[in-house]
Amino acid sequence: CLEVTATMLNINHGHNQEILNKCSKLEEYTIFVERVRF
């Protein structure tokens, strides 16, 4: 009688690029994370 869905989006740099292209701050965030890991 119950259902909940969670849509998981991969936002590592280079993934879901169409969304990142439309939200520049989110893309910049993914680049920052990538630089820290580097």
ModelCIF file with pLDDT and N, C-alpha, C, O atoms, coordinates in Angstrom:
data_MODEL
#
_entry.id   MODEL 
#
_entity.id                         1 
_entity.type                       polymer 
_entity.pdbx_number_of_molecules   1 
#
_entity_poly.entity_id                      1 
_entity_poly.type                           'polypeptide(L)' 
_entity_poly.nstd_linkage                   no 
_entity_poly.nstd_monomer                   no 
_entity_poly.pdbx_seq_one_letter_code       CLEVTATMLNINHGHNQEILNKCSKLEEYTIFVERVRF 
_entity_poly.pdbx_seq_one_letter_code_can   CLEVTATMLNINHGHNQEILNKCSKLEEYTIFVERVRF 
_entity_poly.pdbx_strand_id                 A 
#
loop_
_entity_poly_seq.entity_id 
_entity_poly_seq.num 
_entity_poly_seq.mon_id 
_entity_poly_seq.hetero 
1 1  CYS n 
1 2  LEU n 
1 3  GLU n 
1 4  VAL n 
1 5  THR n 
1 6  ALA n 
1 7  THR n 
1 8  MET n 
1 9  LEU n 
1 10 ASN n 
1 11 ILE n 
1 12 ASN n 
1 13 HIS n 
1 14 GLY n 
1 15 HIS n 
1 16 ASN n 
1 17 GLN n 
1 18 GLU n 
1 19 ILE n 
1 20 LEU n 
1 21 ASN n 
1 22 LYS n 
1 23 CYS n 
1 24 SER n 
1 25 LYS n 
1 26 LEU n 
1 27 GLU n 
1 28 GLU n 
1 29 TYR n 
1 30 THR n 
1 31 ILE n 
1 32 PHE n 
1 33 VAL n 
1 34 GLU n 
1 35 ARG n 
1 36 VAL n 
1 37 ARG n 
1 38 PHE n 
#
_struct_asym.id          A 
_struct_asym.entity_id   1 
#
loop_
_ma_qa_metric.id 
_ma_qa_metric.mode 
_ma_qa_metric.name 
_ma_qa_metric.software_group_id 
_ma_qa_metric.type 
1 global pLDDT . pLDDT 
2 local  pLDDT . pLDDT 
#
_ma_qa_metric_global.metric_id      1 
_ma_qa_metric_global.metric_value   93.45 
_ma_qa_metric_global.model_id       1 
_ma_qa_metric_global.ordinal_id     1 
#
loop_
_ma_qa_metric_local.label_asym_id 
_ma_qa_metric_local.label_comp_id 
_ma_qa_metric_local.label_seq_id 
_ma_qa_metric_local.metric_id 
_ma_qa_metric_local.metric_value 
_ma_qa_metric_local.model_id 
_ma_qa_metric_local.ordinal_id 
A CYS 1  2 89.00 1 1  
A LEU 2  2 92.00 1 2  
A GLU 3  2 95.00 1 3  
A VAL 4  2 96.00 1 4  
A THR 5  2 97.00 1 5  
A ALA 6  2 97.00 1 6  
A THR 7  2 97.00 1 7  
A MET 8  2 96.00 1 8  
A LEU 9  2 97.00 1 9  
A ASN 10 2 96.00 1 10 
A ILE 11 2 94.00 1 11 
A ASN 12 2 92.00 1 12 
A HIS 13 2 88.00 1 13 
A GLY 14 2 88.00 1 14 
A HIS 15 2 94.00 1 15 
A ASN 16 2 95.00 1 16 
A GLN 17 2 94.00 1 17 
A GLU 18 2 95.00 1 18 
A ILE 19 2 95.00 1 19 
A LEU 20 2 94.00 1 20 
A ASN 21 2 94.00 1 21 
A LYS 22 2 95.00 1 22 
A CYS 23 2 95.00 1 23 
A SER 24 2 94.00 1 24 
A LYS 25 2 95.00 1 25 
A LEU 26 2 94.00 1 26 
A GLU 27 2 95.00 1 27 
A GLU 28 2 95.00 1 28 
A TYR 29 2 93.00 1 29 
A THR 30 2 93.00 1 30 
A ILE 31 2 94.00 1 31 
A PHE 32 2 93.00 1 32 
A VAL 33 2 89.00 1 33 
A GLU 34 2 92.00 1 34 
A ARG 35 2 92.00 1 35 
A VAL 36 2 88.00 1 36 
A ARG 37 2 88.00 1 37 
A PHE 38 2 91.00 1 38 
#
loop_
_atom_site.group_PDB 
_atom_site.id 
_atom_site.type_symbol 
_atom_site.label_atom_id 
_atom_site.label_alt_id 
_atom_site.label_comp_id 
_atom_site.label_asym_id 
_atom_site.label_entity_id 
_atom_site.label_seq_id 
_atom_site.pdbx_PDB_ins_code 
_atom_site.Cartn_x 
_atom_site.Cartn_y 
_atom_site.Cartn_z 
_atom_site.occupancy 
_atom_site.B_iso_or_equiv 
_atom_site.pdbx_formal_charge 
_atom_site.auth_seq_id 
_atom_site.auth_comp_id 
_atom_site.auth_asym_id 
_atom_site.auth_atom_id 
_atom_site.pdbx_PDB_model_num 
ATOM 1   N N  . CYS A 1 1  ? 0.823  -1.211 0.000   1.00 89.00 ? 1  CYS A N  1 
ATOM 2   C CA . CYS A 1 1  ? 0.000  0.000  0.000   1.00 89.00 ? 1  CYS A CA 1 
ATOM 3   C C  . CYS A 1 1  ? 0.856  1.259  0.000   1.00 89.00 ? 1  CYS A C  1 
ATOM 4   O O  . CYS A 1 1  ? 0.323  2.369  0.033   1.00 89.00 ? 1  CYS A O  1 
ATOM 5   N N  . LEU A 1 2  ? 2.179  1.099  -0.036  1.00 92.00 ? 2  LEU A N  1 
ATOM 6   C CA . LEU A 1 2  ? 3.063  2.248  0.096   1.00 92.00 ? 2  LEU A CA 1 
ATOM 7   C C  . LEU A 1 2  ? 4.225  2.132  -0.877  1.00 92.00 ? 2  LEU A C  1 
ATOM 8   O O  . LEU A 1 2  ? 4.771  1.047  -1.073  1.00 92.00 ? 2  LEU A O  1 
ATOM 9   N N  . GLU A 1 3  ? 4.602  3.250  -1.485  1.00 95.00 ? 3  GLU A N  1 
ATOM 10  C CA . GLU A 1 3  ? 5.774  3.270  -2.365  1.00 95.00 ? 3  GLU A CA 1 
ATOM 11  C C  . GLU A 1 3  ? 6.421  4.652  -2.324  1.00 95.00 ? 3  GLU A C  1 
ATOM 12  O O  . GLU A 1 3  ? 5.725  5.667  -2.312  1.00 95.00 ? 3  GLU A O  1 
ATOM 13  N N  . VAL A 1 4  ? 7.731  4.687  -2.304  1.00 96.00 ? 4  VAL A N  1 
ATOM 14  C CA . VAL A 1 4  ? 8.504  5.923  -2.404  1.00 96.00 ? 4  VAL A CA 1 
ATOM 15  C C  . VAL A 1 4  ? 9.671  5.645  -3.342  1.00 96.00 ? 4  VAL A C  1 
ATOM 16  O O  . VAL A 1 4  ? 10.337 4.617  -3.227  1.00 96.00 ? 4  VAL A O  1 
ATOM 17  N N  . THR A 1 5  ? 9.914  6.559  -4.264  1.00 97.00 ? 5  THR A N  1 
ATOM 18  C CA . THR A 1 5  ? 11.055 6.404  -5.165  1.00 97.00 ? 5  THR A CA 1 
ATOM 19  C C  . THR A 1 5  ? 12.049 7.527  -4.931  1.00 97.00 ? 5  THR A C  1 
ATOM 20  O O  . THR A 1 5  ? 11.665 8.675  -4.706  1.00 97.00 ? 5  THR A O  1 
ATOM 21  N N  . ALA A 1 6  ? 13.328 7.188  -4.987  1.00 97.00 ? 6  ALA A N  1 
ATOM 22  C CA . ALA A 1 6  ? 14.405 8.175  -4.903  1.00 97.00 ? 6  ALA A CA 1 
ATOM 23  C C  . ALA A 1 6  ? 15.176 8.109  -6.214  1.00 97.00 ? 6  ALA A C  1 
ATOM 24  O O  . ALA A 1 6  ? 15.758 7.075  -6.543  1.00 97.00 ? 6  ALA A O  1 
ATOM 25  N N  . THR A 1 7  ? 15.183 9.197  -6.956  1.00 97.00 ? 7  THR A N  1 
ATOM 26  C CA . THR A 1 7  ? 15.908 9.238  -8.227  1.00 97.00 ? 7  THR A CA 1 
ATOM 27  C C  . THR A 1 7  ? 17.339 9.689  -7.961  1.00 97.00 ? 7  THR A C  1 
ATOM 28  O O  . THR A 1 7  ? 17.575 10.818 -7.531  1.00 97.00 ? 7  THR A O  1 
ATOM 29  N N  . MET A 1 8  ? 18.282 8.805  -8.218  1.00 96.00 ? 8  MET A N  1 
ATOM 30  C CA . MET A 1 8  ? 19.695 9.071  -7.956  1.00 96.00 ? 8  MET A CA 1 
ATOM 31  C C  . MET A 1 8  ? 20.359 9.575  -9.233  1.00 96.00 ? 8  MET A C  1 
ATOM 32  O O  . MET A 1 8  ? 20.308 8.910  -10.267 1.00 96.00 ? 8  MET A O  1 
ATOM 33  N N  . LEU A 1 9  ? 20.978 10.743 -9.162  1.00 97.00 ? 9  LEU A N  1 
ATOM 34  C CA . LEU A 1 9  ? 21.652 11.331 -10.310 1.00 97.00 ? 9  LEU A CA 1 
ATOM 35  C C  . LEU A 1 9  ? 23.155 11.400 -10.055 1.00 97.00 ? 9  LEU A C  1 
ATOM 36  O O  . LEU A 1 9  ? 23.595 11.967 -9.055  1.00 97.00 ? 9  LEU A O  1 
ATOM 37  N N  . ASN A 1 10 ? 23.923 10.833 -10.943 1.00 96.00 ? 10 ASN A N  1 
ATOM 38  C CA . ASN A 1 10 ? 25.377 10.872 -10.855 1.00 96.00 ? 10 ASN A CA 1 
ATOM 39  C C  . ASN A 1 10 ? 25.852 12.261 -11.278 1.00 96.00 ? 10 ASN A C  1 
ATOM 40  O O  . ASN A 1 10 ? 25.682 12.653 -12.433 1.00 96.00 ? 10 ASN A O  1 
ATOM 41  N N  . ILE A 1 11 ? 26.449 13.006 -10.339 1.00 94.00 ? 11 ILE A N  1 
ATOM 42  C CA . ILE A 1 11 ? 26.913 14.360 -10.672 1.00 94.00 ? 11 ILE A CA 1 
ATOM 43  C C  . ILE A 1 11 ? 28.439 14.455 -10.620 1.00 94.00 ? 11 ILE A C  1 
ATOM 44  O O  . ILE A 1 11 ? 28.982 15.546 -10.445 1.00 94.00 ? 11 ILE A O  1 
ATOM 45  N N  . ASN A 1 12 ? 29.126 13.340 -10.766 1.00 92.00 ? 12 ASN A N  1 
ATOM 46  C CA . ASN A 1 12 ? 30.555 13.440 -10.989 1.00 92.00 ? 12 ASN A CA 1 
ATOM 47  C C  . ASN A 1 12 ? 30.789 14.190 -12.291 1.00 92.00 ? 12 ASN A C  1 
ATOM 48  O O  . ASN A 1 12 ? 29.995 14.106 -13.228 1.00 92.00 ? 12 ASN A O  1 
ATOM 49  N N  . HIS A 1 13 ? 31.891 14.923 -12.332 1.00 88.00 ? 13 HIS A N  1 
ATOM 50  C CA . HIS A 1 13 ? 32.164 15.747 -13.511 1.00 88.00 ? 13 HIS A CA 1 
ATOM 51  C C  . HIS A 1 13 ? 32.194 14.884 -14.771 1.00 88.00 ? 13 HIS A C  1 
ATOM 52  O O  . HIS A 1 13 ? 32.881 13.864 -14.830 1.00 88.00 ? 13 HIS A O  1 
ATOM 53  N N  . GLY A 1 14 ? 31.428 15.319 -15.781 1.00 88.00 ? 14 GLY A N  1 
ATOM 54  C CA . GLY A 1 14 ? 31.348 14.565 -17.027 1.00 88.00 ? 14 GLY A CA 1 
ATOM 55  C C  . GLY A 1 14 ? 30.118 13.698 -17.130 1.00 88.00 ? 14 GLY A C  1 
ATOM 56  O O  . GLY A 1 14 ? 29.866 13.115 -18.185 1.00 88.00 ? 14 GLY A O  1 
ATOM 57  N N  . HIS A 1 15 ? 29.328 13.592 -16.047 1.00 94.00 ? 15 HIS A N  1 
ATOM 58  C CA . HIS A 1 15 ? 28.102 12.800 -16.059 1.00 94.00 ? 15 HIS A CA 1 
ATOM 59  C C  . HIS A 1 15 ? 26.881 13.727 -16.009 1.00 94.00 ? 15 HIS A C  1 
ATOM 60  O O  . HIS A 1 15 ? 26.945 14.832 -15.471 1.00 94.00 ? 15 HIS A O  1 
ATOM 61  N N  . ASN A 1 16 ? 25.785 13.259 -16.573 1.00 95.00 ? 16 ASN A N  1 
ATOM 62  C CA . ASN A 1 16 ? 24.558 14.056 -16.659 1.00 95.00 ? 16 ASN A CA 1 
ATOM 63  C C  . ASN A 1 16 ? 24.880 15.473 -17.140 1.00 95.00 ? 16 ASN A C  1 
ATOM 64  O O  . ASN A 1 16 ? 24.412 16.464 -16.580 1.00 95.00 ? 16 ASN A O  1 
ATOM 65  N N  . GLN A 1 17 ? 25.687 15.532 -18.185 1.00 94.00 ? 17 GLN A N  1 
ATOM 66  C CA . GLN A 1 17 ? 26.210 16.804 -18.656 1.00 94.00 ? 17 GLN A CA 1 
ATOM 67  C C  . GLN A 1 17 ? 25.114 17.759 -19.121 1.00 94.00 ? 17 GLN A C  1 
ATOM 68  O O  . GLN A 1 17 ? 25.272 18.977 -19.032 1.00 94.00 ? 17 GLN A O  1 
ATOM 69  N N  . GLU A 1 18 ? 24.014 17.215 -19.612 1.00 95.00 ? 18 GLU A N  1 
ATOM 70  C CA . GLU A 1 18 ? 22.925 18.075 -20.073 1.00 95.00 ? 18 GLU A CA 1 
ATOM 71  C C  . GLU A 1 18 ? 22.378 18.908 -18.920 1.00 95.00 ? 18 GLU A C  1 
ATOM 72  O O  . GLU A 1 18 ? 22.070 20.088 -19.087 1.00 95.00 ? 18 GLU A O  1 
ATOM 73  N N  . ILE A 1 19 ? 22.260 18.289 -17.758 1.00 95.00 ? 19 ILE A N  1 
ATOM 74  C CA . ILE A 1 19 ? 21.780 19.013 -16.577 1.00 95.00 ? 19 ILE A CA 1 
ATOM 75  C C  . ILE A 1 19 ? 22.833 20.018 -16.110 1.00 95.00 ? 19 ILE A C  1 
ATOM 76  O O  . ILE A 1 19 ? 22.508 21.161 -15.785 1.00 95.00 ? 19 ILE A O  1 
ATOM 77  N N  . LEU A 1 20 ? 24.099 19.583 -16.080 1.00 94.00 ? 20 LEU A N  1 
ATOM 78  C CA . LEU A 1 20 ? 25.171 20.471 -15.625 1.00 94.00 ? 20 LEU A CA 1 
ATOM 79  C C  . LEU A 1 20 ? 25.309 21.685 -16.538 1.00 94.00 ? 20 LEU A C  1 
ATOM 80  O O  . LEU A 1 20 ? 25.613 22.783 -16.071 1.00 94.00 ? 20 LEU A O  1 
ATOM 81  N N  . ASN A 1 21 ? 25.088 21.494 -17.825 1.00 94.00 ? 21 ASN A N  1 
ATOM 82  C CA . ASN A 1 21 ? 25.183 22.618 -18.761 1.00 94.00 ? 21 ASN A CA 1 
ATOM 83  C C  . ASN A 1 21 ? 24.140 23.685 -18.471 1.00 94.00 ? 21 ASN A C  1 
ATOM 84  O O  . ASN A 1 21 ? 24.355 24.861 -18.763 1.00 94.00 ? 21 ASN A O  1 
ATOM 85  N N  . LYS A 1 22 ? 23.014 23.283 -17.900 1.00 95.00 ? 22 LYS A N  1 
ATOM 86  C CA . LYS A 1 22 ? 21.934 24.219 -17.623 1.00 95.00 ? 22 LYS A CA 1 
ATOM 87  C C  . LYS A 1 22 ? 22.014 24.815 -16.218 1.00 95.00 ? 22 LYS A C  1 
ATOM 88  O O  . LYS A 1 22 ? 21.266 25.731 -15.877 1.00 95.00 ? 22 LYS A O  1 
ATOM 89  N N  . CYS A 1 23 ? 22.926 24.284 -15.412 1.00 95.00 ? 23 CYS A N  1 
ATOM 90  C CA . CYS A 1 23 ? 23.109 24.810 -14.053 1.00 95.00 ? 23 CYS A CA 1 
ATOM 91  C C  . CYS A 1 23 ? 24.608 24.943 -13.807 1.00 95.00 ? 23 CYS A C  1 
ATOM 92  O O  . CYS A 1 23 ? 25.259 24.003 -13.353 1.00 95.00 ? 23 CYS A O  1 
ATOM 93  N N  . SER A 1 24 ? 25.142 26.108 -14.110 1.00 94.00 ? 24 SER A N  1 
ATOM 94  C CA . SER A 1 24 ? 26.595 26.308 -14.100 1.00 94.00 ? 24 SER A CA 1 
ATOM 95  C C  . SER A 1 24 ? 27.207 26.113 -12.718 1.00 94.00 ? 24 SER A C  1 
ATOM 96  O O  . SER A 1 24 ? 28.318 25.595 -12.601 1.00 94.00 ? 24 SER A O  1 
ATOM 97  N N  . LYS A 1 25 ? 26.494 26.522 -11.674 1.00 95.00 ? 25 LYS A N  1 
ATOM 98  C CA . LYS A 1 25 ? 27.058 26.391 -10.323 1.00 95.00 ? 25 LYS A CA 1 
ATOM 99  C C  . LYS A 1 25 ? 27.200 24.926 -9.919  1.00 95.00 ? 25 LYS A C  1 
ATOM 100 O O  . LYS A 1 25 ? 28.162 24.554 -9.248  1.00 95.00 ? 25 LYS A O  1 
ATOM 101 N N  . LEU A 1 26 ? 26.248 24.105 -10.326 1.00 94.00 ? 26 LEU A N  1 
ATOM 102 C CA . LEU A 1 26 ? 26.360 22.685 -10.014 1.00 94.00 ? 26 LEU A CA 1 
ATOM 103 C C  . LEU A 1 26 ? 27.554 22.084 -10.748 1.00 94.00 ? 26 LEU A C  1 
ATOM 104 O O  . LEU A 1 26 ? 28.282 21.265 -10.187 1.00 94.00 ? 26 LEU A O  1 
ATOM 105 N N  . GLU A 1 27 ? 27.754 22.483 -11.989 1.00 95.00 ? 27 GLU A N  1 
ATOM 106 C CA . GLU A 1 27 ? 28.914 21.979 -12.728 1.00 95.00 ? 27 GLU A CA 1 
ATOM 107 C C  . GLU A 1 27 ? 30.216 22.445 -12.086 1.00 95.00 ? 27 GLU A C  1 
ATOM 108 O O  . GLU A 1 27 ? 31.169 21.672 -11.988 1.00 95.00 ? 27 GLU A O  1 
ATOM 109 N N  . GLU A 1 28 ? 30.264 23.697 -11.651 1.00 95.00 ? 28 GLU A N  1 
ATOM 110 C CA . GLU A 1 28 ? 31.467 24.195 -10.985 1.00 95.00 ? 28 GLU A CA 1 
ATOM 111 C C  . GLU A 1 28 ? 31.731 23.421 -9.693  1.00 95.00 ? 28 GLU A C  1 
ATOM 112 O O  . GLU A 1 28 ? 32.879 23.145 -9.346  1.00 95.00 ? 28 GLU A O  1 
ATOM 113 N N  . TYR A 1 29 ? 30.663 23.080 -8.995  1.00 93.00 ? 29 TYR A N  1 
ATOM 114 C CA . TYR A 1 29 ? 30.816 22.273 -7.784  1.00 93.00 ? 29 TYR A CA 1 
ATOM 115 C C  . TYR A 1 29 ? 31.451 20.920 -8.102  1.00 93.00 ? 29 TYR A C  1 
ATOM 116 O O  . TYR A 1 29 ? 32.342 20.464 -7.385  1.00 93.00 ? 29 TYR A O  1 
ATOM 117 N N  . THR A 1 30 ? 30.991 20.281 -9.177  1.00 93.00 ? 30 THR A N  1 
ATOM 118 C CA . THR A 1 30 ? 31.547 18.979 -9.544  1.00 93.00 ? 30 THR A CA 1 
ATOM 119 C C  . THR A 1 30 ? 33.027 19.095 -9.914  1.00 93.00 ? 30 THR A C  1 
ATOM 120 O O  . THR A 1 30 ? 33.809 18.183 -9.644  1.00 93.00 ? 30 THR A O  1 
ATOM 121 N N  . ILE A 1 31 ? 33.405 20.203 -10.522 1.00 94.00 ? 31 ILE A N  1 
ATOM 122 C CA . ILE A 1 31 ? 34.816 20.412 -10.864 1.00 94.00 ? 31 ILE A CA 1 
ATOM 123 C C  . ILE A 1 31 ? 35.641 20.611 -9.600  1.00 94.00 ? 31 ILE A C  1 
ATOM 124 O O  . ILE A 1 31 ? 36.757 20.102 -9.491  1.00 94.00 ? 31 ILE A O  1 
ATOM 125 N N  . PHE A 1 32 ? 35.089 21.353 -8.647  1.00 93.00 ? 32 PHE A N  1 
ATOM 126 C CA . PHE A 1 32 ? 35.791 21.565 -7.379  1.00 93.00 ? 32 PHE A CA 1 
ATOM 127 C C  . PHE A 1 32 ? 36.053 20.237 -6.675  1.00 93.00 ? 32 PHE A C  1 
ATOM 128 O O  . PHE A 1 32 ? 37.156 19.995 -6.184  1.00 93.00 ? 32 PHE A O  1 
ATOM 129 N N  . VAL A 1 33 ? 35.033 19.377 -6.627  1.00 89.00 ? 33 VAL A N  1 
ATOM 130 C CA . VAL A 1 33 ? 35.193 18.054 -6.000  1.00 89.00 ? 33 VAL A CA 1 
ATOM 131 C C  . VAL A 1 33 ? 36.280 17.262 -6.718  1.00 89.00 ? 33 VAL A C  1 
ATOM 132 O O  . VAL A 1 33 ? 37.116 16.618 -6.084  1.00 89.00 ? 33 VAL A O  1 
ATOM 133 N N  . GLU A 1 34 ? 36.258 17.316 -8.031  1.00 92.00 ? 34 GLU A N  1 
ATOM 134 C CA . GLU A 1 34 ? 37.260 16.602 -8.815  1.00 92.00 ? 34 GLU A CA 1 
ATOM 135 C C  . GLU A 1 34 ? 38.663 17.115 -8.516  1.00 92.00 ? 34 GLU A C  1 
ATOM 136 O O  . GLU A 1 34 ? 39.603 16.322 -8.451  1.00 92.00 ? 34 GLU A O  1 
ATOM 137 N N  . ARG A 1 35 ? 38.827 18.441 -8.330  1.00 92.00 ? 35 ARG A N  1 
ATOM 138 C CA . ARG A 1 35 ? 40.143 19.010 -8.037  1.00 92.00 ? 35 ARG A CA 1 
ATOM 139 C C  . ARG A 1 35 ? 40.624 18.595 -6.648  1.00 92.00 ? 35 ARG A C  1 
ATOM 140 O O  . ARG A 1 35 ? 41.809 18.318 -6.465  1.00 92.00 ? 35 ARG A O  1 
ATOM 141 N N  . VAL A 1 36 ? 39.727 18.548 -5.675  1.00 88.00 ? 36 VAL A N  1 
ATOM 142 C CA . VAL A 1 36 ? 40.122 18.104 -4.334  1.00 88.00 ? 36 VAL A CA 1 
ATOM 143 C C  . VAL A 1 36 ? 40.610 16.662 -4.383  1.00 88.00 ? 36 VAL A C  1 
ATOM 144 O O  . VAL A 1 36 ? 41.632 16.324 -3.786  1.00 88.00 ? 36 VAL A O  1 
ATOM 145 N N  . ARG A 1 37 ? 39.880 15.821 -5.091  1.00 88.00 ? 37 ARG A N  1 
ATOM 146 C CA . ARG A 1 37 ? 40.295 14.422 -5.213  1.00 88.00 ? 37 ARG A CA 1 
ATOM 147 C C  . ARG A 1 37 ? 41.652 14.315 -5.901  1.00 88.00 ? 37 ARG A C  1 
ATOM 148 O O  . ARG A 1 37 ? 42.482 13.483 -5.535  1.00 88.00 ? 37 ARG A O  1 
ATOM 149 N N  . PHE A 1 38 ? 41.863 15.151 -6.885  1.00 91.00 ? 38 PHE A N  1 
ATOM 150 C CA . PHE A 1 38 ? 43.131 15.130 -7.611  1.00 91.00 ? 38 PHE A CA 1 
ATOM 151 C C  . PHE A 1 38 ? 44.288 15.399 -6.659  1.00 91.00 ? 38 PHE A C  1 
ATOM 152 O O  . PHE A 1 38 ? 45.444 15.423 -7.083  1.00 91.00 ? 38 PHE A O  1 
#
